[in-house]
């Protein structure tokens, strides 16, 4: 299994974000039902931890608690102001009950 092991499925609660470390990069893991999403844990508008924000499950967004920018869990794009730049999105895979995160590259994935 490629990627960095960040825990087991039961470590991640539906409708909540958890901060993990992937090779020195802070990543917010968000569980929506049985799906896991991973985005960089830093708001692109201000240097604020996104994992402390509110999850909007229906929209698949994570909202920055400081200024209210909401980021797509699928694309990293900000869906609300004041943020105008996206945050990095990571790939998540599950093997059994173990969760792995892989950093994406433009031409494929890298661990």
PDB file of N, CA and C in Angstrom:
ATOM      1  N   UNK A   1       0.863  -1.180   0.000  1.00  0.00           N
ATOM      2  CA  UNK A   1       0.000   0.000   0.000  1.00  0.00           C
ATOM      3  C   UNK A   1       0.899   1.230   0.000  1.00  0.00           C
ATOM      4  N   UNK A   2       0.658   2.122  -0.931  1.00  0.00           N
ATOM      5  CA  UNK A   2       1.466   3.326  -0.992  1.00  0.00           C
ATOM      6  C   UNK A   2       0.852   4.402  -0.105  1.00  0.00           C
ATOM      7  N   UNK A   3       1.638   5.408   0.193  1.00  0.00           N
ATOM      8  CA  UNK A   3       1.165   6.498   1.026  1.00  0.00           C
ATOM      9  C   UNK A   3       1.630   6.353   2.456  1.00  0.00           C
ATOM     10  N   UNK A   4       1.193   7.289   3.265  1.00  0.00           N
ATOM     11  CA  UNK A   4       1.561   7.332   4.673  1.00  0.00           C
ATOM     12  C   UNK A   4       0.365   6.876   5.493  1.00  0.00           C
ATOM     13  N   UNK A   5       0.591   5.904   6.368  1.00  0.00           N
ATOM     14  CA  UNK A   5      -0.484   5.431   7.251  1.00  0.00           C
ATOM     15  C   UNK A   5      -0.778   6.523   8.276  1.00  0.00           C
ATOM     16  N   UNK A   6      -2.069   6.928   8.361  1.00  0.00           N
ATOM     17  CA  UNK A   6      -2.449   8.006   9.274  1.00  0.00           C
ATOM     18  C   UNK A   6      -3.411   7.538  10.362  1.00  0.00           C
ATOM     19  N   UNK A   7      -3.749   6.266  10.357  1.00  0.00           N
ATOM     20  CA  UNK A   7      -4.640   5.734  11.385  1.00  0.00           C
ATOM     21  C   UNK A   7      -5.520   4.647  10.832  1.00  0.00           C
ATOM     22  N   UNK A   8      -6.567   4.340  11.594  1.00  0.00           N
ATOM     23  CA  UNK A   8      -7.562   3.360  11.181  1.00  0.00           C
ATOM     24  C   UNK A   8      -8.887   4.083  10.998  1.00  0.00           C
ATOM     25  N   UNK A   9      -9.776   3.483  10.243  1.00  0.00           N
ATOM     26  CA  UNK A   9     -11.038   4.116   9.880  1.00  0.00           C
ATOM     27  C   UNK A   9     -11.803   4.633  11.100  1.00  0.00           C
ATOM     28  N   UNK A  10     -11.806   3.874  12.179  1.00  0.00           N
ATOM     29  CA  UNK A  10     -12.550   4.283  13.378  1.00  0.00           C
ATOM     30  C   UNK A  10     -11.954   5.515  14.066  1.00  0.00           C
ATOM     31  N   UNK A  11     -10.740   5.914  13.684  1.00  0.00           N
ATOM     32  CA  UNK A  11     -10.135   7.135  14.233  1.00  0.00           C
ATOM     33  C   UNK A  11     -10.832   8.392  13.716  1.00  0.00           C
ATOM     34  N   UNK A  12     -11.581   8.275  12.630  1.00  0.00           N
ATOM     35  CA  UNK A  12     -12.169   9.426  11.960  1.00  0.00           C
ATOM     36  C   UNK A  12     -13.686   9.381  12.077  1.00  0.00           C
ATOM     37  N   UNK A  13     -14.244  10.430  12.669  1.00  0.00           N
ATOM     38  CA  UNK A  13     -15.665  10.517  12.973  1.00  0.00           C
ATOM     39  C   UNK A  13     -16.414  11.233  11.854  1.00  0.00           C
ATOM     40  N   UNK A  14     -17.588  10.704  11.509  1.00  0.00           N
ATOM     41  CA  UNK A  14     -18.440  11.342  10.494  1.00  0.00           C
ATOM     42  C   UNK A  14     -18.714  12.791  10.886  1.00  0.00           C
ATOM     43  N   UNK A  15     -18.536  13.691   9.917  1.00  0.00           N
ATOM     44  CA  UNK A  15     -18.853  15.096  10.130  1.00  0.00           C
ATOM     45  C   UNK A  15     -17.827  15.881  10.916  1.00  0.00           C
ATOM     46  N   UNK A  16     -16.628  15.310  11.047  1.00  0.00           N
ATOM     47  CA  UNK A  16     -15.578  15.989  11.802  1.00  0.00           C
ATOM     48  C   UNK A  16     -14.265  15.942  11.022  1.00  0.00           C
ATOM     49  N   UNK A  17     -13.384  16.876  11.359  1.00  0.00           N
ATOM     50  CA  UNK A  17     -12.052  16.915  10.756  1.00  0.00           C
ATOM     51  C   UNK A  17     -11.021  16.541  11.811  1.00  0.00           C
ATOM     52  N   UNK A  18      -9.971  15.878  11.371  1.00  0.00           N
ATOM     53  CA  UNK A  18      -8.872  15.508  12.258  1.00  0.00           C
ATOM     54  C   UNK A  18      -7.557  15.895  11.587  1.00  0.00           C
ATOM     55  N   UNK A  19      -6.647  16.409  12.372  1.00  0.00           N
ATOM     56  CA  UNK A  19      -5.343  16.819  11.853  1.00  0.00           C
ATOM     57  C   UNK A  19      -4.367  15.652  11.946  1.00  0.00           C
ATOM     58  N   UNK A  20      -3.683  15.376  10.811  1.00  0.00           N
ATOM     59  CA  UNK A  20      -2.642  14.351  10.771  1.00  0.00           C
ATOM     60  C   UNK A  20      -1.403  14.952  10.120  1.00  0.00           C
ATOM     61  N   UNK A  21      -0.301  14.229  10.214  1.00  0.00           N
ATOM     62  CA  UNK A  21       0.956  14.678   9.626  1.00  0.00           C
ATOM     63  C   UNK A  21       1.341  13.714   8.515  1.00  0.00           C
ATOM     64  N   UNK A  22       1.569  14.244   7.320  1.00  0.00           N
ATOM     65  CA  UNK A  22       1.996  13.428   6.179  1.00  0.00           C
ATOM     66  C   UNK A  22       3.353  13.960   5.724  1.00  0.00           C
ATOM     67  N   UNK A  23       4.393  13.286   6.175  1.00  0.00           N
ATOM     68  CA  UNK A  23       5.769  13.660   5.817  1.00  0.00           C
ATOM     69  C   UNK A  23       6.044  15.145   6.060  1.00  0.00           C
ATOM     70  N   UNK A  24       5.669  15.615   7.243  1.00  0.00           N
ATOM     71  CA  UNK A  24       5.942  16.988   7.631  1.00  0.00           C
ATOM     72  C   UNK A  24       4.909  18.002   7.194  1.00  0.00           C
ATOM     73  N   UNK A  25       3.853  17.552   6.519  1.00  0.00           N
ATOM     74  CA  UNK A  25       2.793  18.444   6.059  1.00  0.00           C
ATOM     75  C   UNK A  25       1.533  18.182   6.889  1.00  0.00           C
ATOM     76  N   UNK A  26       0.955  19.235   7.457  1.00  0.00           N
ATOM     77  CA  UNK A  26      -0.297  19.111   8.201  1.00  0.00           C
ATOM     78  C   UNK A  26      -1.441  18.916   7.216  1.00  0.00           C
ATOM     79  N   UNK A  27      -2.244  17.878   7.460  1.00  0.00           N
ATOM     80  CA  UNK A  27      -3.352  17.526   6.577  1.00  0.00           C
ATOM     81  C   UNK A  27      -4.612  17.357   7.421  1.00  0.00           C
ATOM     82  N   UNK A  28      -5.718  17.890   6.932  1.00  0.00           N
ATOM     83  CA  UNK A  28      -7.016  17.712   7.578  1.00  0.00           C
ATOM     84  C   UNK A  28      -7.720  16.539   6.905  1.00  0.00           C
ATOM     85  N   UNK A  29      -8.053  15.515   7.692  1.00  0.00           N
ATOM     86  CA  UNK A  29      -8.808  14.377   7.192  1.00  0.00           C
ATOM     87  C   UNK A  29     -10.259  14.579   7.622  1.00  0.00           C
ATOM     88  N   UNK A  30     -11.176  14.472   6.684  1.00  0.00           N
ATOM     89  CA  UNK A  30     -12.592  14.676   6.969  1.00  0.00           C
ATOM     90  C   UNK A  30     -13.361  13.435   6.541  1.00  0.00           C
ATOM     91  N   UNK A  31     -14.214  12.966   7.446  1.00  0.00           N
ATOM     92  CA  UNK A  31     -15.056  11.811   7.122  1.00  0.00           C
ATOM     93  C   UNK A  31     -16.482  12.287   6.882  1.00  0.00           C
ATOM     94  N   UNK A  32     -17.008  11.934   5.711  1.00  0.00           N
ATOM     95  CA  UNK A  32     -18.401  12.186   5.370  1.00  0.00           C
ATOM     96  C   UNK A  32     -19.004  10.825   5.040  1.00  0.00           C
ATOM     97  N   UNK A  33     -19.847  10.331   5.919  1.00  0.00           N
ATOM     98  CA  UNK A  33     -20.396   8.980   5.823  1.00  0.00           C
ATOM     99  C   UNK A  33     -19.235   7.985   5.772  1.00  0.00           C
ATOM    100  N   UNK A  34     -19.131   7.210   4.706  1.00  0.00           N
ATOM    101  CA  UNK A  34     -18.061   6.221   4.606  1.00  0.00           C
ATOM    102  C   UNK A  34     -16.890   6.694   3.759  1.00  0.00           C
ATOM    103  N   UNK A  35     -16.905   7.962   3.345  1.00  0.00           N
ATOM    104  CA  UNK A  35     -15.829   8.503   2.522  1.00  0.00           C
ATOM    105  C   UNK A  35     -14.893   9.376   3.358  1.00  0.00           C
ATOM    106  N   UNK A  36     -13.603   9.310   3.025  1.00  0.00           N
ATOM    107  CA  UNK A  36     -12.603  10.156   3.667  1.00  0.00           C
ATOM    108  C   UNK A  36     -12.003  11.094   2.632  1.00  0.00           C
ATOM    109  N   UNK A  37     -11.773  12.329   3.054  1.00  0.00           N
ATOM    110  CA  UNK A  37     -11.175  13.361   2.206  1.00  0.00           C
ATOM    111  C   UNK A  37      -9.978  13.931   2.950  1.00  0.00           C
ATOM    112  N   UNK A  38      -8.994  14.385   2.201  1.00  0.00           N
ATOM    113  CA  UNK A  38      -7.793  14.961   2.814  1.00  0.00           C
ATOM    114  C   UNK A  38      -7.400  16.229   2.063  1.00  0.00           C
ATOM    115  N   UNK A  39      -7.297  17.331   2.815  1.00  0.00           N
ATOM    116  CA  UNK A  39      -6.841  18.599   2.241  1.00  0.00           C
ATOM    117  C   UNK A  39      -5.807  19.205   3.181  1.00  0.00           C
ATOM    118  N   UNK A  40      -4.991  20.085   2.634  1.00  0.00           N
ATOM    119  CA  UNK A  40      -3.986  20.763   3.451  1.00  0.00           C
ATOM    120  C   UNK A  40      -4.670  21.449   4.625  1.00  0.00           C
ATOM    121  N   UNK A  41      -4.040  21.402   5.781  1.00  0.00           N
ATOM    122  CA  UNK A  41      -4.634  21.923   7.015  1.00  0.00           C
ATOM    123  C   UNK A  41      -4.288  23.392   7.247  1.00  0.00           C
ATOM    124  N   UNK A  42      -4.141  24.154   6.195  1.00  0.00           N
ATOM    125  CA  UNK A  42      -3.858  25.589   6.307  1.00  0.00           C
ATOM    126  C   UNK A  42      -4.735  26.358   5.345  1.00  0.00           C
ATOM    127  N   UNK A  43      -5.509  27.283   5.868  1.00  0.00           N
ATOM    128  CA  UNK A  43      -6.340  28.152   5.031  1.00  0.00           C
ATOM    129  C   UNK A  43      -5.428  28.960   4.115  1.00  0.00           C
ATOM    130  N   UNK A  44      -5.828  29.085   2.856  1.00  0.00           N
ATOM    131  CA  UNK A  44      -5.013  29.843   1.904  1.00  0.00           C
ATOM    132  C   UNK A  44      -5.156  31.350   2.090  1.00  0.00           C
ATOM    133  N   UNK A  45      -6.125  31.780   2.854  1.00  0.00           N
ATOM    134  CA  UNK A  45      -6.327  33.206   3.114  1.00  0.00           C
ATOM    135  C   UNK A  45      -5.488  33.668   4.299  1.00  0.00           C
ATOM    136  N   UNK A  46      -5.455  32.860   5.339  1.00  0.00           N
ATOM    137  CA  UNK A  46      -4.683  33.171   6.550  1.00  0.00           C
ATOM    138  C   UNK A  46      -4.097  31.864   7.058  1.00  0.00           C
ATOM    139  N   UNK A  47      -3.044  31.936   7.778  1.00  0.00           N
ATOM    140  CA  UNK A  47      -2.351  30.747   8.259  1.00  0.00           C
ATOM    141  C   UNK A  47      -3.113  30.152   9.454  1.00  0.00           C
ATOM    142  N   UNK A  48      -4.285  29.601   9.165  1.00  0.00           N
ATOM    143  CA  UNK A  48      -5.187  29.074  10.186  1.00  0.00           C
ATOM    144  C   UNK A  48      -5.421  27.591   9.919  1.00  0.00           C
ATOM    145  N   UNK A  49      -5.481  26.799  10.985  1.00  0.00           N
ATOM    146  CA  UNK A  49      -5.729  25.367  10.869  1.00  0.00           C
ATOM    147  C   UNK A  49      -7.176  25.104  10.446  1.00  0.00           C
ATOM    148  N   UNK A  50      -7.356  24.477   9.294  1.00  0.00           N
ATOM    149  CA  UNK A  50      -8.698  24.155   8.814  1.00  0.00           C
ATOM    150  C   UNK A  50      -9.338  23.028   9.609  1.00  0.00           C
ATOM    151  N   UNK A  51      -8.539  22.138  10.179  1.00  0.00           N
ATOM    152  CA  UNK A  51      -9.103  20.998  10.913  1.00  0.00           C
ATOM    153  C   UNK A  51      -9.885  21.435  12.145  1.00  0.00           C
ATOM    154  N   UNK A  52      -9.727  22.671  12.551  1.00  0.00           N
ATOM    155  CA  UNK A  52     -10.488  23.192  13.692  1.00  0.00           C
ATOM    156  C   UNK A  52     -11.818  23.793  13.256  1.00  0.00           C
ATOM    157  N   UNK A  53     -12.082  23.787  11.948  1.00  0.00           N
ATOM    158  CA  UNK A  53     -13.291  24.394  11.409  1.00  0.00           C
ATOM    159  C   UNK A  53     -14.465  23.441  11.356  1.00  0.00           C
ATOM    160  N   UNK A  54     -15.554  23.951  10.822  1.00  0.00           N
ATOM    161  CA  UNK A  54     -16.805  23.202  10.727  1.00  0.00           C
ATOM    162  C   UNK A  54     -16.891  22.467   9.394  1.00  0.00           C
ATOM    163  N   UNK A  55     -17.369  21.220   9.450  1.00  0.00           N
ATOM    164  CA  UNK A  55     -17.576  20.403   8.257  1.00  0.00           C
ATOM    165  C   UNK A  55     -19.021  20.575   7.793  1.00  0.00           C
ATOM    166  N   UNK A  56     -19.193  20.836   6.508  1.00  0.00           N
ATOM    167  CA  UNK A  56     -20.516  20.901   5.895  1.00  0.00           C
ATOM    168  C   UNK A  56     -20.653  19.646   5.029  1.00  0.00           C
ATOM    169  N   UNK A  57     -21.227  18.592   5.611  1.00  0.00           N
ATOM    170  CA  UNK A  57     -21.275  17.290   4.940  1.00  0.00           C
ATOM    171  C   UNK A  57     -22.022  17.332   3.616  1.00  0.00           C
ATOM    172  N   UNK A  58     -23.172  17.999   3.577  1.00  0.00           N
ATOM    173  CA  UNK A  58     -23.975  18.034   2.354  1.00  0.00           C
ATOM    174  C   UNK A  58     -23.261  18.679   1.186  1.00  0.00           C
ATOM    175  N   UNK A  59     -22.435  19.674   1.466  1.00  0.00           N
ATOM    176  CA  UNK A  59     -21.684  20.378   0.426  1.00  0.00           C
ATOM    177  C   UNK A  59     -20.272  19.833   0.255  1.00  0.00           C
ATOM    178  N   UNK A  60     -19.862  18.909   1.130  1.00  0.00           N
ATOM    179  CA  UNK A  60     -18.492  18.374   1.147  1.00  0.00           C
ATOM    180  C   UNK A  60     -17.488  19.516   1.224  1.00  0.00           C
ATOM    181  N   UNK A  61     -17.639  20.332   2.286  1.00  0.00           N
ATOM    182  CA  UNK A  61     -16.785  21.489   2.512  1.00  0.00           C
ATOM    183  C   UNK A  61     -16.246  21.483   3.934  1.00  0.00           C
ATOM    184  N   UNK A  62     -15.098  22.143   4.080  1.00  0.00           N
ATOM    185  CA  UNK A  62     -14.516  22.401   5.391  1.00  0.00           C
ATOM    186  C   UNK A  62     -14.350  23.909   5.509  1.00  0.00           C
ATOM    187  N   UNK A  63     -14.975  24.483   6.541  1.00  0.00           N
ATOM    188  CA  UNK A  63     -14.984  25.932   6.718  1.00  0.00           C
ATOM    189  C   UNK A  63     -13.914  26.371   7.706  1.00  0.00           C
ATOM    190  N   UNK A  64     -13.151  27.379   7.324  1.00  0.00           N
ATOM    191  CA  UNK A  64     -12.157  27.967   8.208  1.00  0.00           C
ATOM    192  C   UNK A  64     -12.879  28.694   9.341  1.00  0.00           C
ATOM    193  N   UNK A  65     -12.500  28.402  10.561  1.00  0.00           N
ATOM    194  CA  UNK A  65     -13.185  28.988  11.709  1.00  0.00           C
ATOM    195  C   UNK A  65     -12.895  30.481  11.884  1.00  0.00           C
ATOM    196  N   UNK A  66     -11.800  30.967  11.321  1.00  0.00           N
ATOM    197  CA  UNK A  66     -11.393  32.355  11.553  1.00  0.00           C
ATOM    198  C   UNK A  66     -12.175  33.363  10.710  1.00  0.00           C
ATOM    199  N   UNK A  67     -12.240  33.134   9.383  1.00  0.00           N
ATOM    200  CA  UNK A  67     -12.875  34.120   8.510  1.00  0.00           C
ATOM    201  C   UNK A  67     -14.026  33.556   7.681  1.00  0.00           C
ATOM    202  N   UNK A  68     -14.311  32.258   7.807  1.00  0.00           N
ATOM    203  CA  UNK A  68     -15.483  31.687   7.155  1.00  0.00           C
ATOM    204  C   UNK A  68     -15.319  31.168   5.747  1.00  0.00           C
ATOM    205  N   UNK A  69     -14.110  31.180   5.193  1.00  0.00           N
ATOM    206  CA  UNK A  69     -13.920  30.596   3.860  1.00  0.00           C
ATOM    207  C   UNK A  69     -14.178  29.093   3.942  1.00  0.00           C
ATOM    208  N   UNK A  70     -14.951  28.574   2.998  1.00  0.00           N
ATOM    209  CA  UNK A  70     -15.242  27.143   2.954  1.00  0.00           C
ATOM    210  C   UNK A  70     -14.552  26.536   1.742  1.00  0.00           C
ATOM    211  N   UNK A  71     -13.836  25.443   1.957  1.00  0.00           N
ATOM    212  CA  UNK A  71     -13.053  24.795   0.900  1.00  0.00           C
ATOM    213  C   UNK A  71     -13.675  23.458   0.519  1.00  0.00           C
ATOM    214  N   UNK A  72     -13.720  23.189  -0.789  1.00  0.00           N
ATOM    215  CA  UNK A  72     -14.216  21.915  -1.291  1.00  0.00           C
ATOM    216  C   UNK A  72     -13.285  20.797  -0.841  1.00  0.00           C
ATOM    217  N   UNK A  73     -13.862  19.745  -0.290  1.00  0.00           N
ATOM    218  CA  UNK A  73     -13.064  18.592   0.112  1.00  0.00           C
ATOM    219  C   UNK A  73     -12.591  17.796  -1.093  1.00  0.00           C
ATOM    220  N   UNK A  74     -13.249  17.972  -2.227  1.00  0.00           N
ATOM    221  CA  UNK A  74     -12.906  17.227  -3.432  1.00  0.00           C
ATOM    222  C   UNK A  74     -11.859  17.920  -4.288  1.00  0.00           C
ATOM    223  N   UNK A  75     -11.897  19.253  -4.346  1.00  0.00           N
ATOM    224  CA  UNK A  75     -10.986  19.981  -5.230  1.00  0.00           C
ATOM    225  C   UNK A  75     -10.032  20.929  -4.499  1.00  0.00           C
ATOM    226  N   UNK A  76     -10.355  21.263  -3.261  1.00  0.00           N
ATOM    227  CA  UNK A  76      -9.553  22.230  -2.508  1.00  0.00           C
ATOM    228  C   UNK A  76      -9.890  23.676  -2.829  1.00  0.00           C
ATOM    229  N   UNK A  77     -10.787  23.904  -3.777  1.00  0.00           N
ATOM    230  CA  UNK A  77     -11.153  25.259  -4.184  1.00  0.00           C
ATOM    231  C   UNK A  77     -11.966  25.952  -3.089  1.00  0.00           C
ATOM    232  N   UNK A  78     -11.716  27.249  -2.894  1.00  0.00           N
ATOM    233  CA  UNK A  78     -12.541  27.980  -1.938  1.00  0.00           C
ATOM    234  C   UNK A  78     -13.910  28.273  -2.563  1.00  0.00           C
ATOM    235  N   UNK A  79     -14.956  27.978  -1.824  1.00  0.00           N
ATOM    236  CA  UNK A  79     -16.305  28.213  -2.322  1.00  0.00           C
ATOM    237  C   UNK A  79     -16.895  29.513  -1.787  1.00  0.00           C
ATOM    238  N   UNK A  80     -16.195  30.129  -0.831  1.00  0.00           N
ATOM    239  CA  UNK A  80     -16.637  31.396  -0.257  1.00  0.00           C
ATOM    240  C   UNK A  80     -15.417  32.270   0.008  1.00  0.00           C
ATOM    241  N   UNK A  81     -15.647  33.577   0.041  1.00  0.00           N
ATOM    242  CA  UNK A  81     -14.593  34.530   0.365  1.00  0.00           C
ATOM    243  C   UNK A  81     -14.372  34.556   1.868  1.00  0.00           C
ATOM    244  N   UNK A  82     -13.244  35.050   2.358  1.00  0.00           N
ATOM    245  CA  UNK A  82     -12.283  35.862   1.641  1.00  0.00           C
ATOM    246  C   UNK A  82     -11.195  35.075   0.901  1.00  0.00           C
ATOM    247  N   UNK A  83     -11.098  33.779   1.079  1.00  0.00           N
ATOM    248  CA  UNK A  83     -10.064  33.012   0.375  1.00  0.00           C
ATOM    249  C   UNK A  83     -10.347  33.007  -1.131  1.00  0.00           C
ATOM    250  N   UNK A  84      -9.281  33.121  -1.919  1.00  0.00           N
ATOM    251  CA  UNK A  84      -9.409  33.071  -3.376  1.00  0.00           C
ATOM    252  C   UNK A  84      -8.507  31.998  -3.986  1.00  0.00           C
ATOM    253  N   UNK A  85      -7.599  31.432  -3.196  1.00  0.00           N
ATOM    254  CA  UNK A  85      -6.672  30.410  -3.677  1.00  0.00           C
ATOM    255  C   UNK A  85      -7.056  29.052  -3.099  1.00  0.00           C
ATOM    256  N   UNK A  86      -6.906  27.984  -3.883  1.00  0.00           N
ATOM    257  CA  UNK A  86      -7.228  26.648  -3.378  1.00  0.00           C
ATOM    258  C   UNK A  86      -6.180  26.149  -2.389  1.00  0.00           C
ATOM    259  N   UNK A  87      -6.545  25.098  -1.673  1.00  0.00           N
ATOM    260  CA  UNK A  87      -5.591  24.385  -0.827  1.00  0.00           C
ATOM    261  C   UNK A  87      -5.316  23.032  -1.484  1.00  0.00           C
ATOM    262  N   UNK A  88      -4.189  22.462  -1.148  1.00  0.00           N
ATOM    263  CA  UNK A  88      -3.785  21.184  -1.734  1.00  0.00           C
ATOM    264  C   UNK A  88      -4.734  20.062  -1.301  1.00  0.00           C
ATOM    265  N   UNK A  89      -5.011  19.163  -2.242  1.00  0.00           N
ATOM    266  CA  UNK A  89      -5.842  17.995  -1.984  1.00  0.00           C
ATOM    267  C   UNK A  89      -4.951  16.761  -2.053  1.00  0.00           C
ATOM    268  N   UNK A  90      -5.180  15.821  -1.156  1.00  0.00           N
ATOM    269  CA  UNK A  90      -4.416  14.582  -1.079  1.00  0.00           C
ATOM    270  C   UNK A  90      -5.327  13.400  -1.404  1.00  0.00           C
ATOM    271  N   UNK A  91      -4.734  12.298  -1.835  1.00  0.00           N
ATOM    272  CA  UNK A  91      -5.488  11.064  -2.081  1.00  0.00           C
ATOM    273  C   UNK A  91      -5.556  10.254  -0.795  1.00  0.00           C
ATOM    274  N   UNK A  92      -6.707   9.634  -0.573  1.00  0.00           N
ATOM    275  CA  UNK A  92      -6.916   8.786   0.596  1.00  0.00           C
ATOM    276  C   UNK A  92      -7.254   7.392   0.113  1.00  0.00           C
ATOM    277  N   UNK A  93      -6.623   6.390   0.705  1.00  0.00           N
ATOM    278  CA  UNK A  93      -6.966   5.010   0.389  1.00  0.00           C
ATOM    279  C   UNK A  93      -7.122   4.237   1.692  1.00  0.00           C
ATOM    280  N   UNK A  94      -7.945   3.194   1.634  1.00  0.00           N
ATOM    281  CA  UNK A  94      -8.207   2.369   2.815  1.00  0.00           C
ATOM    282  C   UNK A  94      -7.877   0.935   2.447  1.00  0.00           C
ATOM    283  N   UNK A  95      -7.064   0.303   3.283  1.00  0.00           N
ATOM    284  CA  UNK A  95      -6.686  -1.095   3.093  1.00  0.00           C
ATOM    285  C   UNK A  95      -7.087  -1.826   4.368  1.00  0.00           C
ATOM    286  N   UNK A  96      -8.155  -2.630   4.279  1.00  0.00           N
ATOM    287  CA  UNK A  96      -8.723  -3.218   5.483  1.00  0.00           C
ATOM    288  C   UNK A  96      -9.363  -2.095   6.273  1.00  0.00           C
ATOM    289  N   UNK A  97      -8.817  -1.810   7.459  1.00  0.00           N
ATOM    290  CA  UNK A  97      -9.306  -0.646   8.207  1.00  0.00           C
ATOM    291  C   UNK A  97      -8.231   0.427   8.348  1.00  0.00           C
ATOM    292  N   UNK A  98      -7.068   0.207   7.726  1.00  0.00           N
ATOM    293  CA  UNK A  98      -5.983   1.185   7.793  1.00  0.00           C
ATOM    294  C   UNK A  98      -6.163   2.277   6.729  1.00  0.00           C
ATOM    295  N   UNK A  99      -5.885   3.531   7.136  1.00  0.00           N
ATOM    296  CA  UNK A  99      -6.067   4.682   6.254  1.00  0.00           C
ATOM    297  C   UNK A  99      -4.697   5.218   5.845  1.00  0.00           C
ATOM    298  N   UNK A 100      -4.529   5.444   4.540  1.00  0.00           N
ATOM    299  CA  UNK A 100      -3.281   5.946   3.981  1.00  0.00           C
ATOM    300  C   UNK A 100      -3.549   7.231   3.200  1.00  0.00           C
ATOM    301  N   UNK A 101      -2.624   8.170   3.289  1.00  0.00           N
ATOM    302  CA  UNK A 101      -2.725   9.425   2.555  1.00  0.00           C
ATOM    303  C   UNK A 101      -1.514   9.550   1.646  1.00  0.00           C
ATOM    304  N   UNK A 102      -1.772   9.958   0.410  1.00  0.00           N
ATOM    305  CA  UNK A 102      -0.727  10.136  -0.587  1.00  0.00           C
ATOM    306  C   UNK A 102      -0.791  11.557  -1.117  1.00  0.00           C
ATOM    307  N   UNK A 103       0.366  12.180  -1.189  1.00  0.00           N
ATOM    308  CA  UNK A 103       0.433  13.530  -1.757  1.00  0.00           C
ATOM    309  C   UNK A 103       0.338  13.424  -3.271  1.00  0.00           C
ATOM    310  N   UNK A 104      -0.507  14.250  -3.873  1.00  0.00           N
ATOM    311  CA  UNK A 104      -0.687  14.236  -5.321  1.00  0.00           C
ATOM    312  C   UNK A 104       0.370  15.089  -5.995  1.00  0.00           C
ATOM    313  N   UNK A 105       0.706  14.700  -7.202  1.00  0.00           N
ATOM    314  CA  UNK A 105       1.588  15.504  -8.058  1.00  0.00           C
ATOM    315  C   UNK A 105       0.819  15.764  -9.342  1.00  0.00           C
ATOM    316  N   UNK A 106       1.227  16.756 -10.084  1.00  0.00           N
ATOM    317  CA  UNK A 106       0.496  17.094 -11.319  1.00  0.00           C
ATOM    318  C   UNK A 106       0.453  15.951 -12.311  1.00  0.00           C
ATOM    319  N   UNK A 107       1.483  15.139 -12.347  1.00  0.00           N
ATOM    320  CA  UNK A 107       1.536  14.042 -13.320  1.00  0.00           C
ATOM    321  C   UNK A 107       1.333  12.678 -12.667  1.00  0.00           C
ATOM    322  N   UNK A 108       0.616  12.626 -11.575  1.00  0.00           N
ATOM    323  CA  UNK A 108       0.395  11.369 -10.886  1.00  0.00           C
ATOM    324  C   UNK A 108       0.536  11.557  -9.394  1.00  0.00           C
ATOM    325  N   UNK A 109       0.616  10.455  -8.687  1.00  0.00           N
ATOM    326  CA  UNK A 109       0.702  10.535  -7.242  1.00  0.00           C
ATOM    327  C   UNK A 109       2.085  10.173  -6.761  1.00  0.00           C
ATOM    328  N   UNK A 110       2.480  10.812  -5.675  1.00  0.00           N
ATOM    329  CA  UNK A 110       3.754  10.515  -5.033  1.00  0.00           C
ATOM    330  C   UNK A 110       3.488  10.301  -3.561  1.00  0.00           C
ATOM    331  N   UNK A 111       4.213   9.397  -2.962  1.00  0.00           N
ATOM    332  CA  UNK A 111       4.027   9.102  -1.531  1.00  0.00           C
ATOM    333  C   UNK A 111       4.505  10.225  -0.668  1.00  0.00           C
TER     334      UNK A 111
END
